[in-house]
Protein backbone atom coordinates (compact mmCIF):
# COMPACT_ATOMS: atom_id res chain seq x y z
CA UNK A 1 131.91 136.80 117.03
CA UNK A 2 133.26 135.58 113.76
CA UNK A 3 133.17 131.79 113.89
CA UNK A 4 130.63 129.21 114.95
CA UNK A 5 133.17 127.83 117.40
CA UNK A 6 133.11 131.16 119.26
CA UNK A 7 129.36 130.81 119.77
CA UNK A 8 129.93 127.31 121.11
CA UNK A 9 132.70 128.50 123.42
CA UNK A 10 130.53 131.32 124.80
CA UNK A 11 127.76 128.79 125.45
CA UNK A 12 130.18 126.55 127.33
CA UNK A 13 132.00 129.21 129.34
CA UNK A 14 129.08 131.51 130.16
CA UNK A 15 126.02 129.31 129.76
CA UNK A 16 127.38 126.13 131.32
CA UNK A 17 126.78 124.05 128.19
CA UNK A 18 128.60 120.80 127.57
CA UNK A 19 130.40 120.49 124.24
CA UNK A 20 127.52 118.41 122.88
CA UNK A 21 124.96 120.89 124.17
CA UNK A 22 126.86 123.78 122.60
CA UNK A 23 126.82 121.92 119.30
CA UNK A 24 123.03 121.54 119.56
CA UNK A 25 122.80 125.30 120.14
CA UNK A 26 125.00 125.91 117.10
CA UNK A 27 122.72 123.74 114.96
CA UNK A 28 119.57 125.44 116.25
CA UNK A 29 121.07 128.84 115.42
CA UNK A 30 122.06 127.65 111.96
CA UNK A 31 118.52 126.49 111.24
CA UNK A 32 117.03 129.64 112.84
CA UNK A 33 114.20 127.75 114.53
CA UNK A 34 112.48 130.17 116.96
CA UNK A 35 111.08 127.50 119.29
CA UNK A 36 114.49 125.84 119.70
CA UNK A 37 116.15 129.21 120.18
CA UNK A 38 113.69 130.07 122.98
CA UNK A 39 114.50 126.77 124.71
CA UNK A 40 118.22 127.42 124.39
CA UNK A 41 117.84 130.94 125.76
CA UNK A 42 116.33 129.45 128.92
CA UNK A 43 119.07 126.82 129.17
CA UNK A 44 121.68 129.55 128.68
CA UNK A 45 120.07 131.73 131.38
CA UNK A 46 119.96 128.84 133.86
CA UNK A 47 123.59 127.91 133.18
CA UNK A 48 124.68 131.53 133.51
CA UNK A 49 122.78 131.87 136.80
CA UNK A 50 124.75 128.91 138.20
CA UNK A 51 127.89 130.89 137.37
CA UNK A 52 126.45 133.95 139.13
CA UNK A 53 125.85 135.83 135.87
CA UNK A 54 122.71 137.97 135.96
CA UNK A 55 119.79 137.23 133.66
CA UNK A 56 120.25 140.64 132.01
CA UNK A 57 123.87 139.93 131.13
CA UNK A 58 122.99 136.41 129.98
CA UNK A 59 120.26 137.79 127.73
CA UNK A 60 122.63 140.41 126.34
CA UNK A 61 125.23 137.77 125.45
CA UNK A 62 122.60 135.45 124.01
CA UNK A 63 121.25 138.34 121.91
CA UNK A 64 124.75 138.87 120.50
CA UNK A 65 125.06 135.17 119.72
CA UNK A 66 121.64 135.19 118.08
CA UNK A 67 122.53 138.28 116.05
CA UNK A 68 125.70 136.56 114.87
CA UNK A 69 123.63 133.56 113.75
CA UNK A 70 121.67 135.87 111.45
CA UNK A 71 124.73 136.75 109.40
CA UNK A 72 127.80 134.79 110.47
CA UNK A 73 126.67 131.31 109.57
CA UNK A 74 125.64 132.38 106.08
CA UNK A 75 128.86 134.30 105.48
CA UNK A 76 131.05 131.43 106.64
CA UNK A 77 129.27 129.04 104.28
CA UNK A 78 129.51 131.54 101.43
CA UNK A 79 133.23 131.98 102.01
CA UNK A 80 133.77 128.22 102.03
CA UNK A 81 131.70 127.85 98.87
CA UNK A 82 133.69 130.55 97.13
CA UNK A 83 137.00 129.02 98.20
CA UNK A 84 135.89 125.66 96.81
CA UNK A 85 134.70 127.21 93.55
CA UNK A 86 137.62 129.49 92.69
CA UNK A 87 140.17 127.61 90.57
CA UNK A 88 143.70 127.59 91.91
CA UNK A 89 145.88 130.14 90.23
CA UNK A 90 142.94 132.44 89.43
CA UNK A 91 143.28 135.82 91.03
CA UNK A 92 140.43 136.03 93.54
CA UNK A 93 140.59 139.80 93.31
CA UNK A 94 139.24 139.58 89.77
CA UNK A 95 136.06 138.07 91.20
CA UNK A 96 135.73 140.54 94.06
CA UNK A 97 133.14 142.81 92.40
CA UNK A 98 131.06 139.91 91.17
CA UNK A 99 131.08 138.28 94.59
CA UNK A 100 130.00 141.50 96.31
CA UNK A 101 127.09 141.75 93.88
CA UNK A 102 126.24 138.09 94.51
CA UNK A 103 126.87 137.11 90.92
CA UNK A 104 128.41 133.79 89.99
CA UNK A 105 127.99 130.98 87.52
CA UNK A 106 126.74 127.64 88.70
CA UNK A 107 128.35 124.40 87.55
CA UNK A 108 126.27 124.36 84.36
CA UNK A 109 127.38 127.85 83.39
CA UNK A 110 124.07 129.56 84.15
CA UNK A 111 124.35 133.04 85.59
CA UNK A 112 122.80 133.74 88.98
CA UNK A 113 122.29 136.88 91.00
CA UNK A 114 121.88 135.55 94.51
CA UNK A 115 122.17 138.91 96.22
CA UNK A 116 119.23 140.38 94.31
CA UNK A 117 117.09 137.31 94.96
CA UNK A 118 117.90 137.45 98.68
CA UNK A 119 117.20 141.18 98.97
């Protein structure tokens, strides 16, 4: 899974979620709230059972969705932030090394090393 919309689609197709329910799942995954995630796992299991999908398979798919939430949501926001920050006409390749190291300047020109702080 690469995009949040794919998580929502899996919830709808396999877990029987409505579009609104899938959006609530997406938000819960984005906030990484364990109690909400446990509730959604049960909802997903029940919806999958109605579609004759075993609990084991439902858990396996939900685990993949949950794993994606651990990295995919952050990466998509980081990519959007970078795209908004890089001036047009500036070669993004010149920033590649700095981005991989998590280094950038904030709007006031102060240097940050987000990757080291997160590690």
